Amino acid sequence: LFGSEERLATFDIDASKSKGLDSGFVRARHIDVRPDRVLADELVELRFEDPEYSAQIDCSWFELRLLEERVAGQPTPFEFEARGVERAVVEGNEIDTTFLAETVSGTGTLTELADGGTELVLDSVSAAGDVTMSYDGGGGRFTASGGTLRWAPGGVARLEALAGERVEARGRFSEEGLPYVLTATWIEYGSQDIQALFP
């Protein structure tokens, strides 16, 4: 599929045939769809929504690859990578996270269902390379920077420093709380709390 800067090419995901996915699409100047992969480059926009989470990534290049041949009824592992990430947002489960990074990657499974639909399960997401992020959740609000960010749906996220460096976060534990500056080896957060380790 080919588009232009004014009118991007669009690959819509048929949510009616995708269990656990309410809607989704990929837009870009160029999209190459094959049985075992989807590749998009230039002005890439990805949007996905399921009953619990919504995610979007704006980047310069994106690829999703199936790691095995698809067999009906059996989960097929996949991996994806986005490069030149200008903005990534994950919202849901009382947590809103926005981040910038050089790359965002992740893993999951696709399963062909007996009714002809497809079930998509996202197992993990990680961001690397000059990660900066903002968090708004049960643990308050903060902005932070670090080396890598790892997130698992339904679980916690961890922002880790590169070897010999530190993660820095600035925020408040509540709207009325005093501001803080936190320096740590890693910061781990979920929907209700924030933990940190130093050193």
C-alpha atoms as a PDB file:
ATOM      1  CA  LEU A   1       0.000   0.000   0.000  1.00  0.00           C
ATOM      2  CA  PHE A   2       1.319   3.450  -0.904  1.00  0.00           C
ATOM      3  CA  GLY A   3       0.177   6.818   0.366  1.00  0.00           C
ATOM      4  CA  SER A   4       1.365  10.415   0.459  1.00  0.00           C
ATOM      5  CA  GLU A   5       2.229  12.902   3.192  1.00  0.00           C
ATOM      6  CA  GLU A   6      -1.261  14.380   2.811  1.00  0.00           C
ATOM      7  CA  ARG A   7      -3.088  11.036   2.599  1.00  0.00           C
ATOM      8  CA  LEU A   8      -1.384   8.128   4.343  1.00  0.00           C
ATOM      9  CA  ALA A   9      -1.993   4.515   3.370  1.00  0.00           C
ATOM     10  CA  THR A  10      -4.151   2.705   5.955  1.00  0.00           C
ATOM     11  CA  PHE A  11      -4.284  -0.958   6.986  1.00  0.00           C
ATOM     12  CA  ASP A  12      -7.354  -1.531   9.194  1.00  0.00           C
ATOM     13  CA  ILE A  13      -7.557  -4.452  11.574  1.00  0.00           C
ATOM     14  CA  ASP A  14     -10.972  -6.113  11.451  1.00  0.00           C
ATOM     15  CA  ALA A  15     -11.953  -5.868  15.114  1.00  0.00           C
ATOM     16  CA  SER A  16     -15.086  -7.947  14.498  1.00  0.00           C
ATOM     17  CA  LYS A  17     -12.793 -10.919  13.835  1.00  0.00           C
ATOM     18  CA  SER A  18     -10.240 -10.100  16.545  1.00  0.00           C
ATOM     19  CA  LYS A  19     -10.981 -11.393  20.033  1.00  0.00           C
ATOM     20  CA  GLY A  20      -9.777  -8.993  22.717  1.00  0.00           C
ATOM     21  CA  LEU A  21      -9.283  -6.116  20.274  1.00  0.00           C
ATOM     22  CA  ASP A  22     -11.935  -3.414  19.884  1.00  0.00           C
ATOM     23  CA  SER A  23     -10.219  -1.527  17.068  1.00  0.00           C
ATOM     24  CA  GLY A  24      -6.849  -1.007  15.434  1.00  0.00           C
ATOM     25  CA  PHE A  25      -5.082   0.369  12.388  1.00  0.00           C
ATOM     26  CA  VAL A  26      -1.693   1.153  10.903  1.00  0.00           C
ATOM     27  CA  ARG A  27      -1.136   4.271   8.780  1.00  0.00           C
ATOM     28  CA  ALA A  28       2.060   5.189   6.922  1.00  0.00           C
ATOM     29  CA  ARG A  29       3.471   6.431   3.615  1.00  0.00           C
ATOM     30  CA  HIS A  30       4.206   2.800   2.718  1.00  0.00           C
ATOM     31  CA  ILE A  31       2.744  -0.431   4.158  1.00  0.00           C
ATOM     32  CA  ASP A  32       3.831  -3.915   3.046  1.00  0.00           C
ATOM     33  CA  VAL A  33       1.492  -6.708   4.226  1.00  0.00           C
ATOM     34  CA  ARG A  34       2.589 -10.327   3.870  1.00  0.00           C
ATOM     35  CA  PRO A  35       1.355 -13.586   5.463  1.00  0.00           C
ATOM     36  CA  ASP A  36       4.180 -13.543   8.030  1.00  0.00           C
ATOM     37  CA  ARG A  37       4.762  -9.823   8.588  1.00  0.00           C
ATOM     38  CA  VAL A  38       3.549  -6.233   8.350  1.00  0.00           C
ATOM     39  CA  LEU A  39       6.120  -3.537   7.553  1.00  0.00           C
ATOM     40  CA  ALA A  40       5.367   0.196   7.591  1.00  0.00           C
ATOM     41  CA  ASP A  41       7.702   3.139   7.049  1.00  0.00           C
ATOM     42  CA  GLU A  42       7.564   6.938   6.958  1.00  0.00           C
ATOM     43  CA  LEU A  43       5.071   8.844   9.126  1.00  0.00           C
ATOM     44  CA  VAL A  44       3.858   5.673  10.840  1.00  0.00           C
ATOM     45  CA  GLU A  45       0.806   5.800  13.133  1.00  0.00           C
ATOM     46  CA  LEU A  46      -0.399   2.750  15.070  1.00  0.00           C
ATOM     47  CA  ARG A  47      -3.579   2.655  17.176  1.00  0.00           C
ATOM     48  CA  PHE A  48      -4.991  -0.300  19.112  1.00  0.00           C
ATOM     49  CA  GLU A  49      -7.789  -0.561  21.666  1.00  0.00           C
ATOM     50  CA  ASP A  50      -8.983  -3.512  23.723  1.00  0.00           C
ATOM     51  CA  PRO A  51     -11.439  -3.682  26.645  1.00  0.00           C
ATOM     52  CA  GLU A  52      -8.748  -2.731  29.185  1.00  0.00           C
ATOM     53  CA  TYR A  53      -6.039  -0.804  27.350  1.00  0.00           C
ATOM     54  CA  SER A  54      -5.473   1.545  24.460  1.00  0.00           C
ATOM     55  CA  ALA A  55      -2.091   2.113  22.834  1.00  0.00           C
ATOM     56  CA  GLN A  56      -0.696   4.364  20.156  1.00  0.00           C
ATOM     57  CA  ILE A  57       2.754   4.728  18.628  1.00  0.00           C
ATOM     58  CA  ASP A  58       3.930   7.463  16.260  1.00  0.00           C
ATOM     59  CA  CYS A  59       7.250   6.486  14.680  1.00  0.00           C
ATOM     60  CA  SER A  60       9.298   6.421  11.491  1.00  0.00           C
ATOM     61  CA  TRP A  61       9.427   2.614  10.971  1.00  0.00           C
ATOM     62  CA  PHE A  62       7.459  -0.392  12.245  1.00  0.00           C
ATOM     63  CA  GLU A  63       7.593  -4.143  11.678  1.00  0.00           C
ATOM     64  CA  LEU A  64       5.545  -7.023  13.095  1.00  0.00           C
ATOM     65  CA  ARG A  65       6.887 -10.550  12.417  1.00  0.00           C
ATOM     66  CA  LEU A  66       5.365 -13.960  13.054  1.00  0.00           C
ATOM     67  CA  LEU A  67       8.023 -16.277  14.474  1.00  0.00           C
ATOM     68  CA  GLU A  68       6.368 -19.570  13.458  1.00  0.00           C
ATOM     69  CA  GLU A  69       3.888 -20.762  10.844  1.00  0.00           C
ATOM     70  CA  ARG A  70       0.277 -20.227  11.881  1.00  0.00           C
ATOM     71  CA  VAL A  71      -1.660 -23.356  12.907  1.00  0.00           C
ATOM     72  CA  ALA A  72      -5.411 -23.056  13.544  1.00  0.00           C
ATOM     73  CA  GLY A  73      -6.201 -23.126  17.250  1.00  0.00           C
ATOM     74  CA  GLN A  74      -2.548 -22.814  18.313  1.00  0.00           C
ATOM     75  CA  PRO A  75      -0.926 -19.586  19.595  1.00  0.00           C
ATOM     76  CA  THR A  76       1.639 -18.229  17.124  1.00  0.00           C
ATOM     77  CA  PRO A  77       4.337 -16.059  18.724  1.00  0.00           C
ATOM     78  CA  PHE A  78       5.113 -12.688  17.192  1.00  0.00           C
ATOM     79  CA  GLU A  79       7.458  -9.811  17.855  1.00  0.00           C
ATOM     80  CA  PHE A  80       7.321  -6.191  16.806  1.00  0.00           C
ATOM     81  CA  GLU A  81       9.688  -3.254  16.682  1.00  0.00           C
ATOM     82  CA  ALA A  82       9.144   0.468  16.163  1.00  0.00           C
ATOM     83  CA  ARG A  83      12.061   2.812  15.450  1.00  0.00           C
ATOM     84  CA  GLY A  84      12.316   6.584  15.677  1.00  0.00           C
ATOM     85  CA  VAL A  85       9.488   6.746  18.207  1.00  0.00           C
ATOM     86  CA  GLU A  86       8.210  10.296  18.519  1.00  0.00           C
ATOM     87  CA  ARG A  87       5.396   9.451  20.925  1.00  0.00           C
ATOM     88  CA  ALA A  88       3.980   6.311  22.523  1.00  0.00           C
ATOM     89  CA  VAL A  89       0.968   6.226  24.845  1.00  0.00           C
ATOM     90  CA  VAL A  90      -0.472   3.362  26.918  1.00  0.00           C
ATOM     91  CA  GLU A  91      -3.701   4.050  28.801  1.00  0.00           C
ATOM     92  CA  GLY A  92      -5.812   1.779  30.973  1.00  0.00           C
ATOM     93  CA  ASN A  93      -6.105   0.024  34.332  1.00  0.00           C
ATOM     94  CA  GLU A  94      -5.962   3.443  36.037  1.00  0.00           C
ATOM     95  CA  ILE A  95      -2.540   4.150  34.511  1.00  0.00           C
ATOM     96  CA  ASP A  96      -1.651   6.596  31.751  1.00  0.00           C
ATOM     97  CA  THR A  97       1.945   6.456  30.485  1.00  0.00           C
ATOM     98  CA  THR A  98       3.431   8.550  27.674  1.00  0.00           C
ATOM     99  CA  PHE A  99       7.007   8.072  26.552  1.00  0.00           C
ATOM    100  CA  LEU A 100       9.608   8.859  23.904  1.00  0.00           C
ATOM    101  CA  ALA A 101      12.402   6.469  22.912  1.00  0.00           C
ATOM    102  CA  GLU A 102      14.658   5.453  20.066  1.00  0.00           C
ATOM    103  CA  THR A 103      12.968   2.030  19.802  1.00  0.00           C
ATOM    104  CA  VAL A 104       9.884   0.286  21.167  1.00  0.00           C
ATOM    105  CA  SER A 105       9.610  -3.489  20.861  1.00  0.00           C
ATOM    106  CA  GLY A 106       7.386  -6.226  22.184  1.00  0.00           C
ATOM    107  CA  THR A 107       6.155  -9.805  22.009  1.00  0.00           C
ATOM    108  CA  GLY A 108       2.823 -11.580  21.974  1.00  0.00           C
ATOM    109  CA  THR A 109       0.770 -14.329  20.353  1.00  0.00           C
ATOM    110  CA  LEU A 110      -1.862 -14.621  17.616  1.00  0.00           C
ATOM    111  CA  THR A 111      -4.347 -17.502  17.632  1.00  0.00           C
ATOM    112  CA  GLU A 112      -6.683 -18.405  14.762  1.00  0.00           C
ATOM    113  CA  LEU A 113     -10.060 -19.232  16.305  1.00  0.00           C
ATOM    114  CA  ALA A 114     -12.594 -21.833  15.142  1.00  0.00           C
ATOM    115  CA  ASP A 115     -15.080 -19.072  14.182  1.00  0.00           C
ATOM    116  CA  GLY A 116     -12.563 -17.571  11.743  1.00  0.00           C
ATOM    117  CA  GLY A 117     -11.496 -14.785  14.072  1.00  0.00           C
ATOM    118  CA  THR A 118      -8.094 -14.059  15.587  1.00  0.00           C
ATOM    119  CA  GLU A 119      -7.132 -13.632  19.237  1.00  0.00           C
ATOM    120  CA  LEU A 120      -4.239 -11.243  19.884  1.00  0.00           C
ATOM    121  CA  VAL A 121      -2.430 -11.302  23.237  1.00  0.00           C
ATOM    122  CA  LEU A 122       0.323  -8.801  24.024  1.00  0.00           C
ATOM    123  CA  ASP A 123       2.860 -10.243  26.474  1.00  0.00           C
ATOM    124  CA  SER A 124       5.403  -7.459  26.920  1.00  0.00           C
ATOM    125  CA  VAL A 125       6.546  -4.061  25.684  1.00  0.00           C
ATOM    126  CA  SER A 126       9.934  -2.420  26.151  1.00  0.00           C
ATOM    127  CA  ALA A 127      11.408   0.923  25.140  1.00  0.00           C
ATOM    128  CA  ALA A 128      15.111   1.710  24.843  1.00  0.00           C
ATOM    129  CA  GLY A 129      17.398   4.606  23.984  1.00  0.00           C
ATOM    130  CA  ASP A 130      17.074   7.968  25.777  1.00  0.00           C
ATOM    131  CA  VAL A 131      13.709   7.077  27.301  1.00  0.00           C
ATOM    132  CA  THR A 132      11.723   9.966  28.737  1.00  0.00           C
ATOM    133  CA  MET A 133       8.277   9.346  30.159  1.00  0.00           C
ATOM    134  CA  SER A 134       5.353  10.739  32.125  1.00  0.00           C
ATOM    135  CA  TYR A 135       3.118   8.695  34.426  1.00  0.00           C
ATOM    136  CA  ASP A 136      -0.321   9.417  35.884  1.00  0.00           C
ATOM    137  CA  GLY A 137      -1.822   6.740  38.119  1.00  0.00           C
ATOM    138  CA  GLY A 138      -2.646   5.611  41.634  1.00  0.00           C
ATOM    139  CA  GLY A 139       0.931   6.320  42.703  1.00  0.00           C
ATOM    140  CA  GLY A 140       0.627   9.994  41.754  1.00  0.00           C
ATOM    141  CA  ARG A 141       2.211  11.781  38.815  1.00  0.00           C
ATOM    142  CA  PHE A 142       5.812  11.996  37.703  1.00  0.00           C
ATOM    143  CA  THR A 143       8.103  12.555  34.747  1.00  0.00           C
ATOM    144  CA  ALA A 144      11.285  10.525  34.447  1.00  0.00           C
ATOM    145  CA  SER A 145      14.190   9.633  32.199  1.00  0.00           C
ATOM    146  CA  GLY A 146      16.275   6.481  31.991  1.00  0.00           C
ATOM    147  CA  GLY A 147      17.813   3.823  29.802  1.00  0.00           C
ATOM    148  CA  THR A 148      15.026   1.229  29.279  1.00  0.00           C
ATOM    149  CA  LEU A 149      11.331   0.927  30.095  1.00  0.00           C
ATOM    150  CA  ARG A 150       9.710  -2.512  30.402  1.00  0.00           C
ATOM    151  CA  TRP A 151       5.955  -3.007  30.708  1.00  0.00           C
ATOM    152  CA  ALA A 152       3.700  -6.055  30.948  1.00  0.00           C
ATOM    153  CA  PRO A 153      -0.078  -5.722  30.450  1.00  0.00           C
ATOM    154  CA  GLY A 154      -1.926  -6.093  33.720  1.00  0.00           C
ATOM    155  CA  GLY A 155       1.330  -5.841  35.639  1.00  0.00           C
ATOM    156  CA  VAL A 156       3.915  -3.266  36.543  1.00  0.00           C
ATOM    157  CA  ALA A 157       6.331  -1.210  34.499  1.00  0.00           C
ATOM    158  CA  ARG A 158       9.985  -0.646  35.309  1.00  0.00           C
ATOM    159  CA  LEU A 159      12.221   2.190  34.166  1.00  0.00           C
ATOM    160  CA  GLU A 160      15.855   1.129  34.504  1.00  0.00           C
ATOM    161  CA  ALA A 161      19.092   3.063  34.264  1.00  0.00           C
ATOM    162  CA  LEU A 162      21.956   2.004  32.026  1.00  0.00           C
ATOM    163  CA  ALA A 163      25.031   0.531  33.750  1.00  0.00           C
ATOM    164  CA  GLY A 164      26.740   3.173  35.875  1.00  0.00           C
ATOM    165  CA  GLU A 165      23.898   5.676  35.445  1.00  0.00           C
ATOM    166  CA  ARG A 166      20.759   6.621  37.393  1.00  0.00           C
ATOM    167  CA  VAL A 167      17.080   7.113  36.673  1.00  0.00           C
ATOM    168  CA  GLU A 168      15.692  10.482  37.702  1.00  0.00           C
ATOM    169  CA  ALA A 169      12.037  11.227  38.413  1.00  0.00           C
ATOM    170  CA  ARG A 170      10.224  14.421  39.426  1.00  0.00           C
ATOM    171  CA  GLY A 171       6.634  14.445  40.606  1.00  0.00           C
ATOM    172  CA  ARG A 172       4.016  14.420  43.360  1.00  0.00           C
ATOM    173  CA  PHE A 173       2.451  11.481  45.214  1.00  0.00           C
ATOM    174  CA  SER A 174      -0.908  13.299  45.136  1.00  0.00           C
ATOM    175  CA  GLU A 175      -2.405  16.536  43.863  1.00  0.00           C
ATOM    176  CA  GLU A 176      -1.850  18.155  47.269  1.00  0.00           C
ATOM    177  CA  GLY A 177       1.433  16.421  48.050  1.00  0.00           C
ATOM    178  CA  LEU A 178       4.837  18.053  48.165  1.00  0.00           C
ATOM    179  CA  PRO A 179       6.966  17.785  45.030  1.00  0.00           C
ATOM    180  CA  TYR A 180       9.883  15.363  45.026  1.00  0.00           C
ATOM    181  CA  VAL A 181      12.987  14.500  43.021  1.00  0.00           C
ATOM    182  CA  LEU A 182      13.974  10.826  43.007  1.00  0.00           C
ATOM    183  CA  THR A 183      17.272   9.333  41.816  1.00  0.00           C
ATOM    184  CA  ALA A 184      17.466   5.548  41.621  1.00  0.00           C
ATOM    185  CA  THR A 185      18.840   2.490  39.845  1.00  0.00           C
ATOM    186  CA  TRP A 186      15.265   1.642  38.795  1.00  0.00           C
ATOM    187  CA  ILE A 187      11.723   2.838  39.344  1.00  0.00           C
ATOM    188  CA  GLU A 188       8.870   0.326  39.289  1.00  0.00           C
ATOM    189  CA  TYR A 189       5.237   1.415  39.157  1.00  0.00           C
ATOM    190  CA  GLY A 190       1.756  -0.029  38.893  1.00  0.00           C
ATOM    191  CA  SER A 191      -1.774   1.297  39.229  1.00  0.00           C
ATOM    192  CA  GLN A 192      -1.489   1.980  42.967  1.00  0.00           C
ATOM    193  CA  ASP A 193       2.128   2.498  43.974  1.00  0.00           C
ATOM    194  CA  ILE A 194       5.695   3.387  43.006  1.00  0.00           C
ATOM    195  CA  GLN A 195       8.854   1.613  44.177  1.00  0.00           C
ATOM    196  CA  ALA A 196      12.483   2.527  43.607  1.00  0.00           C
ATOM    197  CA  LEU A 197      15.910   1.061  44.350  1.00  0.00           C
ATOM    198  CA  PHE A 198      19.139   2.932  45.035  1.00  0.00           C
ATOM    199  CA  PRO A 199      21.763   1.702  44.503  1.00  0.00           C
END
